[in-house]
Amino acid sequence: MSFVPTLADVVETLQDDTDLQAFAVTKWGKEITVKRAYKRRVEIKLSELPIILVTRPRRTAREGLARRKDYQHTVRLYAGFHQVDRDKANDELIEFEELIDAALVKDRTRSNTASDTELNAAENDEGENHPSYFSVLDYEILKRH
């Protein structure tokens, strides 16, 4: 089976998560756009924020049972928002990451298209590009093919 439905589930999960969207509306005045895309940061306009870009940069094969392959897919999220007030940005960035994680681990099987979903690492830009703030979150999704 293809990984495409699994990746589509990640996008749908984030787009439809009521806690995540309510947070965005409360903090930044609009819902988060979630989409599969490759964009360099300089290509993202402030008017597009908040945004979560979903990519799949890596796949690693492991031998599975009965000669089936297990693949570990890295799904990378680029999650950004606009915040003029530097004093609010750090807390909002932490909460944003936590809500993304909470949304994705509610169903670790991605609607039964995968075996597991787990956060591997998260890093942020430490406000380097104020007034936009970005985190990069890597999730490992295990899928048997």
C-alpha atoms as a PDB file:
ATOM      1  CA  MET A   1       0.000   0.000   0.000  1.00  0.00           C
ATOM      2  CA  SER A   2       1.122   3.508  -0.768  1.00  0.00           C
ATOM      3  CA  PHE A   3       2.099   6.036   1.876  1.00  0.00           C
ATOM      4  CA  VAL A   4      -0.067   8.663   0.132  1.00  0.00           C
ATOM      5  CA  PRO A   5      -3.241   7.960   2.191  1.00  0.00           C
ATOM      6  CA  THR A   6      -1.186   8.081   5.391  1.00  0.00           C
ATOM      7  CA  LEU A   7       0.253  11.465   4.498  1.00  0.00           C
ATOM      8  CA  ALA A   8      -3.213  12.687   3.532  1.00  0.00           C
ATOM      9  CA  ASP A   9      -4.413  11.618   6.997  1.00  0.00           C
ATOM     10  CA  VAL A  10      -1.703  13.740   8.644  1.00  0.00           C
ATOM     11  CA  VAL A  11      -2.883  16.791   6.684  1.00  0.00           C
ATOM     12  CA  GLU A  12      -6.553  16.116   7.421  1.00  0.00           C
ATOM     13  CA  THR A  13      -5.877  15.485  11.113  1.00  0.00           C
ATOM     14  CA  LEU A  14      -4.096  18.807  11.534  1.00  0.00           C
ATOM     15  CA  GLN A  15      -6.583  20.764   9.426  1.00  0.00           C
ATOM     16  CA  ASP A  16      -9.597  19.349  11.278  1.00  0.00           C
ATOM     17  CA  ASP A  17      -8.266  19.442  14.848  1.00  0.00           C
ATOM     18  CA  THR A  18     -10.607  21.763  16.742  1.00  0.00           C
ATOM     19  CA  ASP A  19      -8.180  22.492  19.587  1.00  0.00           C
ATOM     20  CA  LEU A  20      -5.395  23.456  17.201  1.00  0.00           C
ATOM     21  CA  GLN A  21      -7.658  25.633  15.048  1.00  0.00           C
ATOM     22  CA  ALA A  22      -9.294  27.301  18.069  1.00  0.00           C
ATOM     23  CA  PHE A  23      -5.852  28.154  19.430  1.00  0.00           C
ATOM     24  CA  ALA A  24      -4.884  29.753  16.104  1.00  0.00           C
ATOM     25  CA  VAL A  25      -8.055  31.802  15.894  1.00  0.00           C
ATOM     26  CA  THR A  26      -7.668  32.982  19.492  1.00  0.00           C
ATOM     27  CA  LYS A  27      -3.962  33.845  19.203  1.00  0.00           C
ATOM     28  CA  TRP A  28      -3.579  34.958  15.584  1.00  0.00           C
ATOM     29  CA  GLY A  29      -7.093  35.741  14.400  1.00  0.00           C
ATOM     30  CA  LYS A  30      -7.397  33.073  11.712  1.00  0.00           C
ATOM     31  CA  GLU A  31      -7.295  29.336  11.126  1.00  0.00           C
ATOM     32  CA  ILE A  32      -4.157  27.450  10.198  1.00  0.00           C
ATOM     33  CA  THR A  33      -3.648  26.489   6.584  1.00  0.00           C
ATOM     34  CA  VAL A  34      -2.324  22.934   6.357  1.00  0.00           C
ATOM     35  CA  LYS A  35      -1.000  21.611   3.064  1.00  0.00           C
ATOM     36  CA  ARG A  36       1.536  19.361   1.460  1.00  0.00           C
ATOM     37  CA  ALA A  37       4.125  21.590  -0.110  1.00  0.00           C
ATOM     38  CA  TYR A  38       7.760  22.377  -0.547  1.00  0.00           C
ATOM     39  CA  LYS A  39       8.478  26.051  -0.087  1.00  0.00           C
ATOM     40  CA  ARG A  40      11.552  27.877   0.971  1.00  0.00           C
ATOM     41  CA  ARG A  41      10.875  30.085   3.940  1.00  0.00           C
ATOM     42  CA  VAL A  42      11.453  33.243   1.913  1.00  0.00           C
ATOM     43  CA  GLU A  43       8.592  32.181  -0.353  1.00  0.00           C
ATOM     44  CA  ILE A  44       6.077  32.227   2.499  1.00  0.00           C
ATOM     45  CA  LYS A  45       4.352  35.573   2.945  1.00  0.00           C
ATOM     46  CA  LEU A  46       3.271  36.862   6.344  1.00  0.00           C
ATOM     47  CA  SER A  47      -0.291  36.876   5.026  1.00  0.00           C
ATOM     48  CA  GLU A  48      -0.106  33.067   4.640  1.00  0.00           C
ATOM     49  CA  LEU A  49       0.576  32.549   8.348  1.00  0.00           C
ATOM     50  CA  PRO A  50      -0.340  30.578  10.380  1.00  0.00           C
ATOM     51  CA  ILE A  51       0.664  27.619   8.245  1.00  0.00           C
ATOM     52  CA  ILE A  52       1.787  24.027   8.536  1.00  0.00           C
ATOM     53  CA  LEU A  53       3.590  22.610   5.526  1.00  0.00           C
ATOM     54  CA  VAL A  54       3.735  18.810   5.449  1.00  0.00           C
ATOM     55  CA  THR A  55       6.574  16.994   3.660  1.00  0.00           C
ATOM     56  CA  ARG A  56       8.000  13.481   3.588  1.00  0.00           C
ATOM     57  CA  PRO A  57      11.765  13.825   3.120  1.00  0.00           C
ATOM     58  CA  ARG A  58      12.922  10.323   4.088  1.00  0.00           C
ATOM     59  CA  ARG A  59      11.971   6.648   4.110  1.00  0.00           C
ATOM     60  CA  THR A  60      14.002   3.888   5.762  1.00  0.00           C
ATOM     61  CA  ALA A  61      13.406   0.197   5.108  1.00  0.00           C
ATOM     62  CA  ARG A  62      13.512  -2.509   7.772  1.00  0.00           C
ATOM     63  CA  GLU A  63      12.867  -6.209   7.358  1.00  0.00           C
ATOM     64  CA  GLY A  64       9.453  -7.108   8.623  1.00  0.00           C
ATOM     65  CA  LEU A  65       7.759 -10.381   9.424  1.00  0.00           C
ATOM     66  CA  ALA A  66       7.107 -12.945   6.684  1.00  0.00           C
ATOM     67  CA  ARG A  67       9.339 -11.118   4.199  1.00  0.00           C
ATOM     68  CA  ARG A  68       7.227  -8.017   4.305  1.00  0.00           C
ATOM     69  CA  LYS A  69       8.963  -4.706   4.648  1.00  0.00           C
ATOM     70  CA  ASP A  70       8.396  -2.218   7.387  1.00  0.00           C
ATOM     71  CA  TYR A  71       9.194   1.332   6.368  1.00  0.00           C
ATOM     72  CA  GLN A  72       9.867   4.191   8.693  1.00  0.00           C
ATOM     73  CA  HIS A  73       8.753   7.413   7.017  1.00  0.00           C
ATOM     74  CA  THR A  74       9.923  10.770   8.287  1.00  0.00           C
ATOM     75  CA  VAL A  75       7.139  13.313   8.008  1.00  0.00           C
ATOM     76  CA  ARG A  76       8.468  16.825   8.488  1.00  0.00           C
ATOM     77  CA  LEU A  77       6.193  19.685   9.466  1.00  0.00           C
ATOM     78  CA  TYR A  78       7.129  23.329   9.001  1.00  0.00           C
ATOM     79  CA  ALA A  79       4.827  25.176  11.372  1.00  0.00           C
ATOM     80  CA  GLY A  80       4.851  28.960  11.341  1.00  0.00           C
ATOM     81  CA  PHE A  81       2.926  31.919  12.665  1.00  0.00           C
ATOM     82  CA  HIS A  82       3.113  35.718  12.795  1.00  0.00           C
ATOM     83  CA  GLN A  83       3.497  37.486  16.134  1.00  0.00           C
ATOM     84  CA  VAL A  84       4.549  41.120  16.506  1.00  0.00           C
ATOM     85  CA  ASP A  85       4.857  40.877  20.298  1.00  0.00           C
ATOM     86  CA  ARG A  86       8.162  39.092  21.043  1.00  0.00           C
ATOM     87  CA  ASP A  87       7.070  38.491  24.640  1.00  0.00           C
ATOM     88  CA  LYS A  88       4.143  36.352  23.479  1.00  0.00           C
ATOM     89  CA  ALA A  89       5.978  34.454  20.751  1.00  0.00           C
ATOM     90  CA  ASN A  90       7.935  31.962  22.862  1.00  0.00           C
ATOM     91  CA  ASP A  91       4.891  30.726  24.776  1.00  0.00           C
ATOM     92  CA  GLU A  92       2.810  30.576  21.603  1.00  0.00           C
ATOM     93  CA  LEU A  93       5.498  28.581  19.826  1.00  0.00           C
ATOM     94  CA  ILE A  94       5.617  26.034  22.640  1.00  0.00           C
ATOM     95  CA  GLU A  95       1.818  25.748  22.773  1.00  0.00           C
ATOM     96  CA  PHE A  96       1.645  25.453  18.979  1.00  0.00           C
ATOM     97  CA  GLU A  97       4.093  22.531  19.009  1.00  0.00           C
ATOM     98  CA  GLU A  98       2.250  20.862  21.885  1.00  0.00           C
ATOM     99  CA  LEU A  99      -1.116  21.133  20.132  1.00  0.00           C
ATOM    100  CA  ILE A 100       0.312  19.747  16.893  1.00  0.00           C
ATOM    101  CA  ASP A 101       1.691  16.788  18.820  1.00  0.00           C
ATOM    102  CA  ALA A 102      -1.570  16.237  20.692  1.00  0.00           C
ATOM    103  CA  ALA A 103      -3.481  16.196  17.395  1.00  0.00           C
ATOM    104  CA  LEU A 104      -1.156  13.697  15.740  1.00  0.00           C
ATOM    105  CA  VAL A 105      -0.961  11.207  18.605  1.00  0.00           C
ATOM    106  CA  LYS A 106      -4.727  10.948  19.099  1.00  0.00           C
ATOM    107  CA  ASP A 107      -4.679   8.297  16.361  1.00  0.00           C
ATOM    108  CA  ARG A 108      -1.183   6.896  16.012  1.00  0.00           C
ATOM    109  CA  THR A 109      -2.340   4.483  13.278  1.00  0.00           C
ATOM    110  CA  ARG A 110      -3.370   7.310  10.925  1.00  0.00           C
ATOM    111  CA  SER A 111      -6.862   5.863  10.360  1.00  0.00           C
ATOM    112  CA  ASN A 112      -5.408   2.335  10.170  1.00  0.00           C
ATOM    113  CA  THR A 113      -2.990   3.210   7.361  1.00  0.00           C
ATOM    114  CA  ALA A 114       0.118   2.939   9.595  1.00  0.00           C
ATOM    115  CA  SER A 115       1.424   1.068  12.623  1.00  0.00           C
ATOM    116  CA  ASP A 116       2.638   3.997  14.728  1.00  0.00           C
ATOM    117  CA  THR A 117       3.239   7.761  14.774  1.00  0.00           C
ATOM    118  CA  GLU A 118       5.849   9.246  17.068  1.00  0.00           C
ATOM    119  CA  LEU A 119       7.576  12.592  17.448  1.00  0.00           C
ATOM    120  CA  ASN A 120      11.279  12.226  16.746  1.00  0.00           C
ATOM    121  CA  ALA A 121      12.503  15.809  17.146  1.00  0.00           C
ATOM    122  CA  ALA A 122      11.369  19.426  17.098  1.00  0.00           C
ATOM    123  CA  GLU A 123      13.449  22.540  16.608  1.00  0.00           C
ATOM    124  CA  ASN A 124      12.542  26.176  16.220  1.00  0.00           C
ATOM    125  CA  ASP A 125      14.172  29.275  14.798  1.00  0.00           C
ATOM    126  CA  GLU A 126      14.439  30.978  18.203  1.00  0.00           C
ATOM    127  CA  GLY A 127      12.807  34.107  16.825  1.00  0.00           C
ATOM    128  CA  GLU A 128      15.562  34.733  14.310  1.00  0.00           C
ATOM    129  CA  ASN A 129      13.106  35.973  11.703  1.00  0.00           C
ATOM    130  CA  HIS A 130      10.781  38.032  13.885  1.00  0.00           C
ATOM    131  CA  PRO A 131       7.845  38.710  13.394  1.00  0.00           C
ATOM    132  CA  SER A 132       7.450  35.223  11.925  1.00  0.00           C
ATOM    133  CA  TYR A 133       8.246  32.193  14.020  1.00  0.00           C
ATOM    134  CA  PHE A 134       8.757  28.656  12.765  1.00  0.00           C
ATOM    135  CA  SER A 135       9.195  25.201  14.225  1.00  0.00           C
ATOM    136  CA  VAL A 136      10.278  22.106  12.348  1.00  0.00           C
ATOM    137  CA  LEU A 137       8.817  18.901  13.740  1.00  0.00           C
ATOM    138  CA  ASP A 138       9.919  15.460  12.563  1.00  0.00           C
ATOM    139  CA  TYR A 139       7.538  12.568  13.067  1.00  0.00           C
ATOM    140  CA  GLU A 140       8.409   8.949  12.382  1.00  0.00           C
ATOM    141  CA  ILE A 141       5.527   6.968  10.972  1.00  0.00           C
ATOM    142  CA  LEU A 142       5.910   3.203  10.750  1.00  0.00           C
ATOM    143  CA  LYS A 143       4.102   1.485   7.895  1.00  0.00           C
ATOM    144  CA  ARG A 144       4.156  -2.087   6.654  1.00  0.00           C
ATOM    145  CA  HIS A 145       4.168  -2.633   2.893  1.00  0.00           C
END
